[in-house]
Protein backbone atom coordinates (compact mmCIF):
# COMPACT_ATOMS: atom_id res chain seq x y z
CA MET A 1 9.90 -27.18 4.94
CA LYS A 2 6.64 -25.23 3.87
CA GLU A 3 8.31 -21.91 5.28
CA GLU A 4 11.50 -22.64 3.19
CA LYS A 5 9.43 -23.24 0.09
CA ASP A 6 7.52 -19.74 0.82
CA GLU A 7 10.70 -18.05 1.16
CA LYS A 8 12.00 -19.38 -2.21
CA SER A 9 8.89 -18.31 -3.91
CA LEU A 10 9.12 -14.86 -2.40
CA LEU A 11 12.64 -14.59 -3.46
CA GLN A 12 11.45 -15.51 -7.05
CA GLU A 13 8.71 -12.68 -6.83
CA ILE A 14 11.27 -10.12 -5.57
CA LEU A 15 13.63 -10.96 -8.60
CA GLN A 16 10.66 -10.49 -10.97
CA SER A 17 9.50 -7.19 -9.38
CA PRO A 18 9.79 -3.88 -11.09
CA SER A 19 13.33 -2.98 -11.90
CA TYR A 20 15.34 -0.15 -13.61
CA GLY A 21 16.54 -2.30 -16.47
CA TYR A 22 15.92 -1.69 -20.23
CA THR A 23 12.88 -3.19 -22.11
CA ASP A 24 11.73 -2.25 -25.64
CA ASN A 25 8.38 -0.60 -25.78
CA PHE A 26 8.31 -0.25 -29.44
CA PRO A 27 6.57 -3.72 -30.20
CA LYS A 28 3.69 -2.68 -27.89
CA ARG A 29 2.56 0.30 -29.95
CA ASP A 30 -0.20 -1.42 -31.84
CA MET A 31 -1.54 -3.10 -28.59
CA TRP A 32 -1.76 0.28 -26.76
CA LYS A 33 -3.58 1.81 -29.85
CA GLU A 34 -6.20 -0.92 -29.79
CA VAL A 35 -6.58 -0.52 -25.94
CA ALA A 36 -6.94 3.23 -26.44
CA LYS A 37 -9.58 2.78 -29.08
CA LEU A 38 -11.50 0.18 -27.18
CA TYR A 39 -11.87 2.38 -24.14
CA ASN A 40 -12.45 5.73 -26.06
CA GLY A 41 -9.06 6.89 -24.90
CA GLU A 42 -5.89 8.39 -26.20
CA PHE A 43 -2.46 6.94 -26.96
CA LYS A 44 0.62 8.98 -27.43
CA ILE A 45 4.27 8.22 -27.89
CA LYS A 46 7.01 10.57 -26.41
CA PHE A 47 10.58 10.28 -26.23
CA ASN A 48 13.29 11.44 -23.84
CA SER A 49 15.49 14.57 -24.83
CA GLY A 50 18.07 12.21 -26.56
CA CYS A 51 15.35 10.32 -28.32
CA GLU A 52 16.80 7.02 -27.03
CA LEU A 53 13.97 6.16 -24.76
CA GLU A 54 10.41 5.53 -25.75
CA ILE A 55 7.47 6.40 -23.27
CA HIS A 56 3.90 5.43 -23.93
CA GLN A 57 1.22 7.50 -22.40
CA ILE A 58 -2.46 6.42 -22.45
CA ARG A 59 -5.38 8.32 -21.20
CA ILE A 60 -8.69 6.48 -20.49
CA PRO A 61 -11.63 8.46 -19.62
CA TYR A 62 -14.10 7.09 -17.01
CA LYS A 63 -17.20 8.83 -15.76
CA LYS A 64 -15.93 12.19 -14.63
CA TRP A 65 -12.30 10.98 -14.03
CA THR A 66 -9.35 9.97 -16.03
CA ILE A 67 -7.01 6.90 -15.79
CA HIS A 68 -3.50 7.70 -16.88
CA ILE A 69 -1.20 4.91 -17.84
CA SER A 70 2.48 5.18 -18.55
CA VAL A 71 5.16 2.84 -19.37
CA SER A 72 8.72 3.55 -20.63
CA ASP A 73 11.84 1.67 -21.86
CA THR A 74 13.35 2.03 -18.35
CA ARG A 75 10.44 2.34 -15.87
CA PRO A 76 7.55 0.15 -14.70
CA MET A 77 4.02 0.45 -15.87
CA LYS A 78 2.03 2.82 -13.86
CA PHE A 79 -1.56 3.71 -13.37
CA GLN A 80 -2.40 7.30 -11.99
CA MET A 81 -5.69 8.93 -11.19
CA ASP A 82 -6.41 12.32 -9.70
CA PHE A 83 -9.47 13.21 -7.77
CA ARG A 84 -11.07 16.02 -5.78
CA SER A 85 -10.68 14.79 -2.12
CA ARG A 86 -13.71 14.63 0.30
CA LEU A 87 -11.77 13.46 3.35
CA ASP A 88 -8.47 12.84 4.76
CA PHE A 89 -7.32 9.34 3.82
CA ASP A 90 -3.99 7.97 2.85
CA MET A 91 -3.07 4.31 2.13
CA LEU A 92 -0.21 2.32 0.96
CA LEU A 93 0.05 -1.37 -0.31
CA SER A 94 3.30 -2.76 -1.22
CA TRP A 95 4.77 -6.27 -1.57
CA GLU A 96 6.36 -7.56 1.60
CA ASP A 97 9.80 -8.69 1.28
CA PHE A 98 11.84 -10.80 3.76
CA ILE A 99 13.47 -7.83 5.59
CA GLU A 100 9.80 -6.13 6.04
CA ARG A 101 8.54 -9.46 7.56
CA ILE A 102 11.39 -9.34 10.15
CA PHE A 103 10.74 -5.71 11.01
CA LYS A 104 6.94 -6.35 11.18
CA LYS A 105 7.65 -8.97 14.04
CA PHE A 106 9.25 -6.39 16.29
CA GLY A 107 7.33 -3.26 15.21
CA GLU A 108 3.62 -2.18 15.20
CA PRO A 109 1.11 -4.69 14.01
CA GLU A 110 0.08 -4.08 10.42
CA ILE A 111 -3.28 -3.73 8.96
CA GLU A 112 -4.84 -6.95 7.85
CA VAL A 113 -7.90 -7.75 5.66
CA ASP A 114 -8.68 -11.18 6.86
CA SER A 115 -7.36 -12.74 3.51
CA TYR A 116 -4.50 -15.06 4.14
CA ALA A 117 -3.19 -14.62 0.59
CA PHE A 118 -3.57 -10.94 0.40
CA ASP A 119 -2.17 -10.30 3.97
CA LYS A 120 0.86 -12.60 3.20
CA ARG A 121 1.49 -10.64 -0.02
CA TYR A 122 1.03 -7.00 1.06
CA LEU A 123 2.15 -4.72 3.64
CA ILE A 124 -0.72 -2.47 4.45
CA LYS A 125 -0.78 0.94 5.76
CA SER A 126 -3.51 3.64 6.25
CA SER A 127 -4.56 6.67 8.01
CA GLN A 128 -8.01 5.00 8.36
CA PRO A 129 -7.62 1.32 8.61
CA ASP A 130 -11.59 0.58 8.81
CA LEU A 131 -12.20 2.69 5.61
CA LEU A 132 -9.32 0.94 3.86
CA LYS A 133 -10.93 -2.45 4.74
CA ARG A 134 -14.19 -1.33 3.10
CA LEU A 135 -12.39 -0.14 0.24
CA LEU A 136 -10.46 -3.38 -0.48
CA THR A 137 -13.41 -5.63 -1.41
CA LYS A 138 -12.74 -9.36 -2.09
CA GLU A 139 -12.99 -8.56 -5.73
CA ILE A 140 -10.33 -5.90 -5.62
CA GLN A 141 -7.97 -8.02 -3.49
CA GLU A 142 -8.38 -11.00 -5.91
CA ALA A 143 -7.57 -8.72 -8.96
CA PHE A 144 -4.47 -7.16 -7.03
CA LEU A 145 -3.15 -10.84 -6.64
CA GLU A 146 -4.11 -12.04 -10.04
CA TYR A 147 -2.41 -8.98 -11.83
CA ASN A 148 0.60 -9.14 -9.33
CA ILE A 149 0.32 -5.46 -8.56
CA TYR A 150 3.54 -4.30 -6.97
CA SER A 151 2.47 -1.33 -5.06
CA ALA A 152 -0.52 1.16 -4.60
CA ALA A 153 -0.78 4.31 -2.89
CA TYR A 154 -3.66 6.83 -2.30
CA LYS A 155 -2.31 10.25 -1.00
CA THR A 156 -4.43 13.30 0.13
CA ASP A 157 -3.38 17.00 -0.03
CA LEU A 158 -5.99 18.55 2.41
CA GLU A 159 -4.81 22.02 1.61
CA LEU A 160 -5.51 21.77 -2.13
CA GLN A 161 -8.41 19.21 -1.61
CA LYS A 162 -6.94 16.92 -3.99
CA ALA A 163 -5.89 13.28 -3.95
CA GLU A 164 -3.95 11.00 -6.22
CA TRP A 165 -3.90 7.25 -6.62
CA LEU A 166 -0.80 5.47 -8.07
CA SER A 167 -0.33 1.85 -8.78
CA VAL A 168 3.00 0.36 -10.01
CA ILE A 169 2.50 -2.74 -11.88
CA GLN A 170 5.61 -4.42 -13.54
CA ARG A 171 8.41 -3.90 -16.03
CA LYS A 172 6.51 -5.15 -19.22
CA ALA A 173 3.22 -4.02 -20.36
CA GLY A 174 1.90 -7.56 -20.85
CA CYS A 175 -0.72 -8.64 -23.45
CA LYS A 176 -3.96 -6.85 -24.30
CA ASN A 177 -6.08 -8.92 -22.11
CA PHE A 178 -3.77 -8.24 -19.15
CA VAL A 179 -3.81 -4.48 -19.79
CA CYS A 180 -7.73 -4.52 -20.16
CA GLY A 181 -8.03 -6.55 -16.91
CA LEU A 182 -5.99 -3.81 -15.19
CA ILE A 183 -8.00 -0.95 -16.56
CA ASP A 184 -11.12 -2.65 -15.43
CA LEU A 185 -9.69 -2.92 -12.01
CA HIS A 186 -8.96 0.68 -11.77
CA MET A 187 -12.38 1.60 -12.96
CA LEU A 188 -13.66 -0.71 -10.13
CA ILE A 189 -11.50 1.14 -7.64
CA ILE A 190 -12.71 4.53 -8.85
CA ASP A 191 -16.27 3.29 -8.17
CA ARG A 192 -15.52 2.05 -4.73
CA LEU A 193 -13.67 5.35 -4.04
CA ALA A 194 -16.90 7.17 -4.97
CA ASP A 195 -19.32 4.77 -3.20
CA LEU A 196 -17.40 5.35 0.18
CA LYS A 197 -17.39 9.10 -0.60
CA ILE A 198 -13.67 9.30 -0.43
CA ILE A 199 -13.60 11.18 -3.71
CA GLY A 200 -16.14 13.69 -5.27
């Protein structure tokens, strides 16, 4: 019975996950201006070539890095951060759907961080599992669950000595407190990446 309930709640989550439908970003302009001002950032409005779709781009400076936020009428909100890479490290966290759970039973064991709620929600892959576990502190795990982050990836390009973090959040930007919580989370992630000497 409990498993059936879990599957129903999982189906509800999948139906609420980022989609490629249309949402109107226009009403969120004032909120983004306030958020950018609060963090000494920059807010820009762009349009596609036909001027039908509105794209909001926000830049938030943090220490020597920048958090780039983008959301459009047709795409989910994304947080992207570029770094100078210090070591070869890749990771991917994404919501587990029903099919992935089946594949998991027959494939390689996935990485777990010893948190039932987090391990149940996310499929976790990394080139360095031990380092990933140190990166994902309890505070970061709880924030991922609280803000319902759909996926997060960190990819290193060794040749260029560069790396990128990309988080996909959801279709709608949410309220100011929600967005500020996400910004604070990404600042925490930057601090953790720097503490572990993953970035320079």
